[in-house]
Amino acid sequence: MHKPKITIQYCVLCQWLLRSGWLAQELLSTFSDDLAEVSLSPASKGTFKIYYNNTLIWCRELDEGFPEAKILKRRVRDQLDPSRSLGHIDT
């Protein structure tokens, strides 16, 4: 089975690189053994989207803002292994 890839698309003009890098770090610290990679992809026009393989799991416009790390981790977990416990994040 192939390990999934997470892609974070962020608007360069809006200077969302640091936020993107922080979320990438959070995902890697939680799912380091389960992911093939977490990549950052520069974009424009206010874009902030996160993909699990090719499935959109967060969109700043549709989800009305940026994800908290715990919410994003739940969405990744739900794609990766819904029965997996995230410890205190689940309570």
PDB file of N, CA and C in Angstrom:
ATOM      1  N   MET A   1       0.837  -1.190   0.000  1.00  0.00           N
ATOM      2  CA  MET A   1       0.000   0.000   0.000  1.00  0.00           C
ATOM      3  C   MET A   1       0.883   1.257   0.000  1.00  0.00           C
ATOM      4  N   HIS A   2       0.551   2.203  -0.844  1.00  0.00           N
ATOM      5  CA  HIS A   2       1.314   3.441  -0.936  1.00  0.00           C
ATOM      6  C   HIS A   2       0.912   4.392   0.174  1.00  0.00           C
ATOM      7  N   LYS A   3       1.895   5.069   0.708  1.00  0.00           N
ATOM      8  CA  LYS A   3       1.615   6.073   1.728  1.00  0.00           C
ATOM      9  C   LYS A   3       1.070   7.327   1.053  1.00  0.00           C
ATOM     10  N   PRO A   4       0.139   8.004   1.693  1.00  0.00           N
ATOM     11  CA  PRO A   4      -0.468   9.194   1.093  1.00  0.00           C
ATOM     12  C   PRO A   4       0.446  10.412   1.126  1.00  0.00           C
ATOM     13  N   LYS A   5       0.086  11.359   0.289  1.00  0.00           N
ATOM     14  CA  LYS A   5       0.802  12.622   0.164  1.00  0.00           C
ATOM     15  C   LYS A   5      -0.146  13.758   0.547  1.00  0.00           C
ATOM     16  N   ILE A   6       0.345  14.673   1.357  1.00  0.00           N
ATOM     17  CA  ILE A   6      -0.408  15.869   1.715  1.00  0.00           C
ATOM     18  C   ILE A   6       0.208  17.047   0.965  1.00  0.00           C
ATOM     19  N   THR A   7      -0.635  17.859   0.339  1.00  0.00           N
ATOM     20  CA  THR A   7      -0.175  19.065  -0.345  1.00  0.00           C
ATOM     21  C   THR A   7      -0.906  20.259   0.239  1.00  0.00           C
ATOM     22  N   ILE A   8      -0.143  21.251   0.652  1.00  0.00           N
ATOM     23  CA  ILE A   8      -0.718  22.489   1.166  1.00  0.00           C
ATOM     24  C   ILE A   8      -0.451  23.581   0.140  1.00  0.00           C
ATOM     25  N   GLN A   9      -1.519  24.073  -0.480  1.00  0.00           N
ATOM     26  CA  GLN A   9      -1.414  25.185  -1.428  1.00  0.00           C
ATOM     27  C   GLN A   9      -1.670  26.472  -0.660  1.00  0.00           C
ATOM     28  N   TYR A  10      -0.776  27.439  -0.804  1.00  0.00           N
ATOM     29  CA  TYR A  10      -0.925  28.681  -0.054  1.00  0.00           C
ATOM     30  C   TYR A  10      -0.629  29.877  -0.942  1.00  0.00           C
ATOM     31  N   CYS A  11      -1.270  30.977  -0.656  1.00  0.00           N
ATOM     32  CA  CYS A  11      -1.069  32.204  -1.420  1.00  0.00           C
ATOM     33  C   CYS A  11       0.234  32.872  -0.996  1.00  0.00           C
ATOM     34  N   VAL A  12       1.117  33.057  -1.966  1.00  0.00           N
ATOM     35  CA  VAL A  12       2.392  33.710  -1.721  1.00  0.00           C
ATOM     36  C   VAL A  12       2.175  35.200  -1.418  1.00  0.00           C
ATOM     37  N   LEU A  13       1.291  35.839  -2.178  1.00  0.00           N
ATOM     38  CA  LEU A  13       1.039  37.269  -2.008  1.00  0.00           C
ATOM     39  C   LEU A  13       0.458  37.589  -0.634  1.00  0.00           C
ATOM     40  N   CYS A  14      -0.302  36.650  -0.071  1.00  0.00           N
ATOM     41  CA  CYS A  14      -0.902  36.835   1.255  1.00  0.00           C
ATOM     42  C   CYS A  14       0.071  36.483   2.376  1.00  0.00           C
ATOM     43  N   GLN A  15       1.236  35.977   2.003  1.00  0.00           N
ATOM     44  CA  GLN A  15       2.296  35.609   2.936  1.00  0.00           C
ATOM     45  C   GLN A  15       1.857  34.530   3.934  1.00  0.00           C
ATOM     46  N   TRP A  16       1.269  33.472   3.407  1.00  0.00           N
ATOM     47  CA  TRP A  16       0.799  32.370   4.240  1.00  0.00           C
ATOM     48  C   TRP A  16       1.788  31.214   4.301  1.00  0.00           C
ATOM     49  N   LEU A  17       3.045  31.461   3.928  1.00  0.00           N
ATOM     50  CA  LEU A  17       4.069  30.419   3.971  1.00  0.00           C
ATOM     51  C   LEU A  17       4.309  29.927   5.402  1.00  0.00           C
ATOM     52  N   LEU A  18       4.451  30.817   6.354  1.00  0.00           N
ATOM     53  CA  LEU A  18       4.724  30.398   7.732  1.00  0.00           C
ATOM     54  C   LEU A  18       3.591  29.554   8.302  1.00  0.00           C
ATOM     55  N   ARG A  19       2.354  29.949   8.044  1.00  0.00           N
ATOM     56  CA  ARG A  19       1.198  29.172   8.500  1.00  0.00           C
ATOM     57  C   ARG A  19       1.221  27.786   7.856  1.00  0.00           C
ATOM     58  N   SER A  20       1.537  27.734   6.577  1.00  0.00           N
ATOM     59  CA  SER A  20       1.596  26.468   5.848  1.00  0.00           C
ATOM     60  C   SER A  20       2.690  25.568   6.392  1.00  0.00           C
ATOM     61  N   GLY A  21       3.850  26.154   6.638  1.00  0.00           N
ATOM     62  CA  GLY A  21       4.964  25.394   7.186  1.00  0.00           C
ATOM     63  C   GLY A  21       4.671  24.856   8.575  1.00  0.00           C
ATOM     64  N   TRP A  22       4.006  25.665   9.386  1.00  0.00           N
ATOM     65  CA  TRP A  22       3.642  25.227  10.738  1.00  0.00           C
ATOM     66  C   TRP A  22       2.672  24.043  10.668  1.00  0.00           C
ATOM     67  N   LEU A  23       1.656  24.131   9.805  1.00  0.00           N
ATOM     68  CA  LEU A  23       0.704  23.023   9.681  1.00  0.00           C
ATOM     69  C   LEU A  23       1.387  21.771   9.134  1.00  0.00           C
ATOM     70  N   ALA A  24       2.314  21.946   8.203  1.00  0.00           N
ATOM     71  CA  ALA A  24       3.078  20.796   7.686  1.00  0.00           C
ATOM     72  C   ALA A  24       3.851  20.142   8.819  1.00  0.00           C
ATOM     73  N   GLN A  25       4.464  20.948   9.656  1.00  0.00           N
ATOM     74  CA  GLN A  25       5.217  20.426  10.804  1.00  0.00           C
ATOM     75  C   GLN A  25       4.302  19.667  11.757  1.00  0.00           C
ATOM     76  N   GLU A  26       3.137  20.204  12.024  1.00  0.00           N
ATOM     77  CA  GLU A  26       2.174  19.539  12.903  1.00  0.00           C
ATOM     78  C   GLU A  26       1.759  18.172  12.346  1.00  0.00           C
ATOM     79  N   LEU A  27       1.494  18.122  11.043  1.00  0.00           N
ATOM     80  CA  LEU A  27       1.099  16.851  10.424  1.00  0.00           C
ATOM     81  C   LEU A  27       2.246  15.849  10.454  1.00  0.00           C
ATOM     82  N   LEU A  28       3.445  16.305  10.170  1.00  0.00           N
ATOM     83  CA  LEU A  28       4.599  15.399  10.185  1.00  0.00           C
ATOM     84  C   LEU A  28       4.906  14.896  11.588  1.00  0.00           C
ATOM     85  N   SER A  29       4.689  15.715  12.589  1.00  0.00           N
ATOM     86  CA  SER A  29       4.960  15.258  13.953  1.00  0.00           C
ATOM     87  C   SER A  29       3.949  14.206  14.399  1.00  0.00           C
ATOM     88  N   THR A  30       2.734  14.273  13.878  1.00  0.00           N
ATOM     89  CA  THR A  30       1.698  13.307  14.260  1.00  0.00           C
ATOM     90  C   THR A  30       1.692  12.072  13.367  1.00  0.00           C
ATOM     91  N   PHE A  31       1.923  12.250  12.075  1.00  0.00           N
ATOM     92  CA  PHE A  31       1.760  11.158  11.112  1.00  0.00           C
ATOM     93  C   PHE A  31       3.056  10.818  10.372  1.00  0.00           C
ATOM     94  N   SER A  32       4.204  11.055  10.973  1.00  0.00           N
ATOM     95  CA  SER A  32       5.489  10.916  10.270  1.00  0.00           C
ATOM     96  C   SER A  32       5.695   9.543   9.640  1.00  0.00           C
ATOM     97  N   ASP A  33       5.265   8.480  10.293  1.00  0.00           N
ATOM     98  CA  ASP A  33       5.465   7.136   9.750  1.00  0.00           C
ATOM     99  C   ASP A  33       4.416   6.743   8.719  1.00  0.00           C
ATOM    100  N   ASP A  34       3.347   7.526   8.624  1.00  0.00           N
ATOM    101  CA  ASP A  34       2.208   7.149   7.790  1.00  0.00           C
ATOM    102  C   ASP A  34       2.101   7.916   6.478  1.00  0.00           C
ATOM    103  N   LEU A  35       2.877   8.985   6.339  1.00  0.00           N
ATOM    104  CA  LEU A  35       2.782   9.824   5.152  1.00  0.00           C
ATOM    105  C   LEU A  35       4.028   9.694   4.285  1.00  0.00           C
ATOM    106  N   ALA A  36       3.831   9.713   2.971  1.00  0.00           N
ATOM    107  CA  ALA A  36       4.959   9.712   2.045  1.00  0.00           C
ATOM    108  C   ALA A  36       5.648  11.069   2.062  1.00  0.00           C
ATOM    109  N   GLU A  37       4.837  12.133   2.108  1.00  0.00           N
ATOM    110  CA  GLU A  37       5.385  13.481   2.141  1.00  0.00           C
ATOM    111  C   GLU A  37       4.302  14.488   2.473  1.00  0.00           C
ATOM    112  N   VAL A  38       4.758  15.626   2.930  1.00  0.00           N
ATOM    113  CA  VAL A  38       3.914  16.811   3.078  1.00  0.00           C
ATOM    114  C   VAL A  38       4.621  17.898   2.289  1.00  0.00           C
ATOM    115  N   SER A  39       3.950  18.418   1.275  1.00  0.00           N
ATOM    116  CA  SER A  39       4.598  19.419   0.426  1.00  0.00           C
ATOM    117  C   SER A  39       3.855  20.743   0.474  1.00  0.00           C
ATOM    118  N   LEU A  40       4.601  21.806   0.228  1.00  0.00           N
ATOM    119  CA  LEU A  40       4.052  23.155   0.157  1.00  0.00           C
ATOM    120  C   LEU A  40       4.061  23.585  -1.295  1.00  0.00           C
ATOM    121  N   SER A  41       2.929  24.101  -1.747  1.00  0.00           N
ATOM    122  CA  SER A  41       2.774  24.476  -3.142  1.00  0.00           C
ATOM    123  C   SER A  41       2.342  25.939  -3.248  1.00  0.00           C
ATOM    124  N   PRO A  42       3.217  26.820  -3.730  1.00  0.00           N
ATOM    125  CA  PRO A  42       2.861  28.239  -3.854  1.00  0.00           C
ATOM    126  C   PRO A  42       1.703  28.446  -4.822  1.00  0.00           C
ATOM    127  N   ALA A  43       0.827  29.374  -4.465  1.00  0.00           N
ATOM    128  CA  ALA A  43      -0.331  29.708  -5.297  1.00  0.00           C
ATOM    129  C   ALA A  43      -0.563  31.216  -5.188  1.00  0.00           C
ATOM    130  N   SER A  44      -1.697  31.671  -5.678  1.00  0.00           N
ATOM    131  CA  SER A  44      -2.038  33.096  -5.617  1.00  0.00           C
ATOM    132  C   SER A  44      -3.531  33.256  -5.367  1.00  0.00           C
ATOM    133  N   LYS A  45      -3.999  34.481  -5.424  1.00  0.00           N
ATOM    134  CA  LYS A  45      -5.422  34.815  -5.335  1.00  0.00           C
ATOM    135  C   LYS A  45      -6.076  34.343  -4.040  1.00  0.00           C
ATOM    136  N   GLY A  46      -5.368  34.409  -2.932  1.00  0.00           N
ATOM    137  CA  GLY A  46      -5.953  34.054  -1.643  1.00  0.00           C
ATOM    138  C   GLY A  46      -6.154  32.575  -1.420  1.00  0.00           C
ATOM    139  N   THR A  47      -5.494  31.752  -2.212  1.00  0.00           N
ATOM    140  CA  THR A  47      -5.657  30.302  -2.117  1.00  0.00           C
ATOM    141  C   THR A  47      -5.046  29.754  -0.828  1.00  0.00           C
ATOM    142  N   PHE A  48      -5.805  28.931  -0.144  1.00  0.00           N
ATOM    143  CA  PHE A  48      -5.283  28.119   0.956  1.00  0.00           C
ATOM    144  C   PHE A  48      -6.094  26.834   0.956  1.00  0.00           C
ATOM    145  N   LYS A  49      -5.507  25.780   0.380  1.00  0.00           N
ATOM    146  CA  LYS A  49      -6.182  24.490   0.248  1.00  0.00           C
ATOM    147  C   LYS A  49      -5.240  23.386   0.687  1.00  0.00           C
ATOM    148  N   ILE A  50      -5.813  22.352   1.261  1.00  0.00           N
ATOM    149  CA  ILE A  50      -5.020  21.209   1.688  1.00  0.00           C
ATOM    150  C   ILE A  50      -5.621  19.956   1.063  1.00  0.00           C
ATOM    151  N   TYR A  51      -4.752  19.177   0.427  1.00  0.00           N
ATOM    152  CA  TYR A  51      -5.172  17.958  -0.255  1.00  0.00           C
ATOM    153  C   TYR A  51      -4.552  16.736   0.408  1.00  0.00           C
ATOM    154  N   TYR A  52      -5.346  15.702   0.520  1.00  0.00           N
ATOM    155  CA  TYR A  52      -4.884  14.371   0.929  1.00  0.00           C
ATOM    156  C   TYR A  52      -4.886  13.564  -0.354  1.00  0.00           C
ATOM    157  N   ASN A  53      -3.716  13.235  -0.864  1.00  0.00           N
ATOM    158  CA  ASN A  53      -3.572  12.747  -2.238  1.00  0.00           C
ATOM    159  C   ASN A  53      -4.255  13.779  -3.126  1.00  0.00           C
ATOM    160  N   ASN A  54      -5.258  13.439  -3.849  1.00  0.00           N
ATOM    161  CA  ASN A  54      -5.930  14.425  -4.699  1.00  0.00           C
ATOM    162  C   ASN A  54      -7.280  14.855  -4.157  1.00  0.00           C
ATOM    163  N   THR A  55      -7.571  14.506  -2.908  1.00  0.00           N
ATOM    164  CA  THR A  55      -8.849  14.836  -2.291  1.00  0.00           C
ATOM    165  C   THR A  55      -8.714  16.102  -1.452  1.00  0.00           C
ATOM    166  N   LEU A  56      -9.526  17.090  -1.749  1.00  0.00           N
ATOM    167  CA  LEU A  56      -9.516  18.333  -0.988  1.00  0.00           C
ATOM    168  C   LEU A  56     -10.076  18.066   0.405  1.00  0.00           C
ATOM    169  N   ILE A  57      -9.282  18.369   1.439  1.00  0.00           N
ATOM    170  CA  ILE A  57      -9.762  18.173   2.813  1.00  0.00           C
ATOM    171  C   ILE A  57      -9.889  19.491   3.572  1.00  0.00           C
ATOM    172  N   TRP A  58      -9.378  20.582   2.991  1.00  0.00           N
ATOM    173  CA  TRP A  58      -9.585  21.904   3.593  1.00  0.00           C
ATOM    174  C   TRP A  58      -9.485  22.959   2.516  1.00  0.00           C
ATOM    175  N   CYS A  59     -10.405  23.900   2.544  1.00  0.00           N
ATOM    176  CA  CYS A  59     -10.382  25.051   1.643  1.00  0.00           C
ATOM    177  C   CYS A  59     -10.742  26.274   2.472  1.00  0.00           C
ATOM    178  N   ARG A  60      -9.876  27.260   2.482  1.00  0.00           N
ATOM    179  CA  ARG A  60     -10.103  28.462   3.278  1.00  0.00           C
ATOM    180  C   ARG A  60     -11.442  29.117   2.968  1.00  0.00           C
ATOM    181  N   GLU A  61     -11.838  29.142   1.718  1.00  0.00           N
ATOM    182  CA  GLU A  61     -13.111  29.772   1.351  1.00  0.00           C
ATOM    183  C   GLU A  61     -14.309  28.919   1.763  1.00  0.00           C
ATOM    184  N   LEU A  62     -14.267  27.630   1.480  1.00  0.00           N
ATOM    185  CA  LEU A  62     -15.393  26.751   1.807  1.00  0.00           C
ATOM    186  C   LEU A  62     -15.534  26.513   3.312  1.00  0.00           C
ATOM    187  N   ASP A  63     -14.390  26.401   3.993  1.00  0.00           N
ATOM    188  CA  ASP A  63     -14.400  26.124   5.430  1.00  0.00           C
ATOM    189  C   ASP A  63     -14.339  27.397   6.267  1.00  0.00           C
ATOM    190  N   GLU A  64     -14.397  28.531   5.589  1.00  0.00           N
ATOM    191  CA  GLU A  64     -14.474  29.845   6.236  1.00  0.00           C
ATOM    192  C   GLU A  64     -13.311  30.129   7.174  1.00  0.00           C
ATOM    193  N   GLY A  65     -12.098  30.005   6.663  1.00  0.00           N
ATOM    194  CA  GLY A  65     -10.921  30.347   7.444  1.00  0.00           C
ATOM    195  C   GLY A  65      -9.854  29.275   7.384  1.00  0.00           C
ATOM    196  N   PHE A  66      -8.937  29.382   8.316  1.00  0.00           N
ATOM    197  CA  PHE A  66      -7.818  28.448   8.393  1.00  0.00           C
ATOM    198  C   PHE A  66      -8.109  27.374   9.428  1.00  0.00           C
ATOM    199  N   PRO A  67      -7.548  26.179   9.224  1.00  0.00           N
ATOM    200  CA  PRO A  67      -7.817  25.108  10.181  1.00  0.00           C
ATOM    201  C   PRO A  67      -6.976  25.239  11.450  1.00  0.00           C
ATOM    202  N   GLU A  68      -7.570  24.864  12.562  1.00  0.00           N
ATOM    203  CA  GLU A  68      -6.775  24.637  13.761  1.00  0.00           C
ATOM    204  C   GLU A  68      -6.029  23.336  13.509  1.00  0.00           C
ATOM    205  N   ALA A  69      -4.873  23.178  14.104  1.00  0.00           N
ATOM    206  CA  ALA A  69      -4.077  21.965  13.894  1.00  0.00           C
ATOM    207  C   ALA A  69      -4.868  20.717  14.260  1.00  0.00           C
ATOM    208  N   LYS A  70      -5.613  20.748  15.358  1.00  0.00           N
ATOM    209  CA  LYS A  70      -6.339  19.554  15.786  1.00  0.00           C
ATOM    210  C   LYS A  70      -7.445  19.172  14.802  1.00  0.00           C
ATOM    211  N   ILE A  71      -8.089  20.154  14.191  1.00  0.00           N
ATOM    212  CA  ILE A  71      -9.135  19.875  13.200  1.00  0.00           C
ATOM    213  C   ILE A  71      -8.516  19.263  11.950  1.00  0.00           C
ATOM    214  N   LEU A  72      -7.395  19.825  11.509  1.00  0.00           N
ATOM    215  CA  LEU A  72      -6.714  19.291  10.333  1.00  0.00           C
ATOM    216  C   LEU A  72      -6.228  17.869  10.593  1.00  0.00           C
ATOM    217  N   LYS A  73      -5.691  17.618  11.762  1.00  0.00           N
ATOM    218  CA  LYS A  73      -5.227  16.274  12.107  1.00  0.00           C
ATOM    219  C   LYS A  73      -6.390  15.280  12.092  1.00  0.00           C
ATOM    220  N   ARG A  74      -7.543  15.696  12.561  1.00  0.00           N
ATOM    221  CA  ARG A  74      -8.723  14.812  12.508  1.00  0.00           C
ATOM    222  C   ARG A  74      -9.096  14.492  11.063  1.00  0.00           C
ATOM    223  N   ARG A  75      -9.057  15.496  10.203  1.00  0.00           N
ATOM    224  CA  ARG A  75      -9.420  15.263   8.797  1.00  0.00           C
ATOM    225  C   ARG A  75      -8.424  14.337   8.112  1.00  0.00           C
ATOM    226  N   VAL A  76      -7.150  14.488   8.414  1.00  0.00           N
ATOM    227  CA  VAL A  76      -6.147  13.582   7.854  1.00  0.00           C
ATOM    228  C   VAL A  76      -6.361  12.187   8.409  1.00  0.00           C
ATOM    229  N   ARG A  77      -6.548  12.076   9.709  1.00  0.00           N
ATOM    230  CA  ARG A  77      -6.790  10.772  10.339  1.00  0.00           C
ATOM    231  C   ARG A  77      -8.012  10.089   9.741  1.00  0.00           C
ATOM    232  N   ASP A  78      -9.078  10.850   9.505  1.00  0.00           N
ATOM    233  CA  ASP A  78     -10.306  10.274   8.954  1.00  0.00           C
ATOM    234  C   ASP A  78     -10.087   9.689   7.563  1.00  0.00           C
ATOM    235  N   GLN A  79      -9.157  10.239   6.808  1.00  0.00           N
ATOM    236  CA  GLN A  79      -8.804   9.685   5.497  1.00  0.00           C
ATOM    237  C   GLN A  79      -7.859   8.494   5.639  1.00  0.00           C
ATOM    238  N   LEU A  80      -6.901   8.612   6.530  1.00  0.00           N
ATOM    239  CA  LEU A  80      -5.835   7.631   6.695  1.00  0.00           C
ATOM    240  C   LEU A  80      -6.305   6.372   7.414  1.00  0.00           C
ATOM    241  N   ASP A  81      -6.918   6.564   8.584  1.00  0.00           N
ATOM    242  CA  ASP A  81      -7.326   5.442   9.434  1.00  0.00           C
ATOM    243  C   ASP A  81      -8.357   5.946  10.434  1.00  0.00           C
ATOM    244  N   PRO A  82      -9.645   5.933  10.060  1.00  0.00           N
ATOM    245  CA  PRO A  82     -10.684   6.497  10.923  1.00  0.00           C
ATOM    246  C   PRO A  82     -10.752   5.898  12.329  1.00  0.00           C
ATOM    247  N   SER A  83     -10.261   4.704  12.517  1.00  0.00           N
ATOM    248  CA  SER A  83     -10.323   4.086  13.846  1.00  0.00           C
ATOM    249  C   SER A  83      -9.137   4.466  14.737  1.00  0.00           C
ATOM    250  N   ARG A  84      -8.184   5.166  14.179  1.00  0.00           N
ATOM    251  CA  ARG A  84      -6.984   5.563  14.930  1.00  0.00           C
ATOM    252  C   ARG A  84      -7.319   6.637  15.972  1.00  0.00           C
ATOM    253  N   SER A  85      -6.785   6.482  17.156  1.00  0.00           N
ATOM    254  CA  SER A  85      -6.963   7.471  18.212  1.00  0.00           C
ATOM    255  C   SER A  85      -5.900   8.549  18.086  1.00  0.00           C
ATOM    256  N   LEU A  86      -6.331   9.783  18.291  1.00  0.00           N
ATOM    257  CA  LEU A  86      -5.396  10.896  18.322  1.00  0.00           C
ATOM    258  C   LEU A  86      -5.179  11.383  19.751  1.00  0.00           C
ATOM    259  N   GLY A  87      -5.516  10.555  20.700  1.00  0.00           N
ATOM    260  CA  GLY A  87      -5.296  10.888  22.101  1.00  0.00           C
ATOM    261  C   GLY A  87      -6.144  12.068  22.552  1.00  0.00           C
ATOM    262  N   HIS A  88      -5.503  13.046  23.163  1.00  0.00           N
ATOM    263  CA  HIS A  88      -6.219  14.183  23.737  1.00  0.00           C
ATOM    264  C   HIS A  88      -6.952  15.023  22.690  1.00  0.00           C
ATOM    265  N   ILE A  89      -6.554  14.945  21.436  1.00  0.00           N
ATOM    266  CA  ILE A  89      -7.228  15.693  20.367  1.00  0.00           C
ATOM    267  C   ILE A  89      -8.660  15.194  20.177  1.00  0.00           C
ATOM    268  N   ASP A  90      -8.896  13.924  20.454  1.00  0.00           N
ATOM    269  CA  ASP A  90     -10.218  13.345  20.274  1.00  0.00           C
ATOM    270  C   ASP A  90     -11.185  13.651  21.418  1.00  0.00           C
ATOM    271  N   THR A  91     -10.674  14.190  22.528  1.00  0.00           N
ATOM    272  CA  THR A  91     -11.563  14.427  23.674  1.00  0.00           C
ATOM    273  C   THR A  91     -12.097  15.824  23.697  1.00  0.00           C
TER     274      THR A  91
END
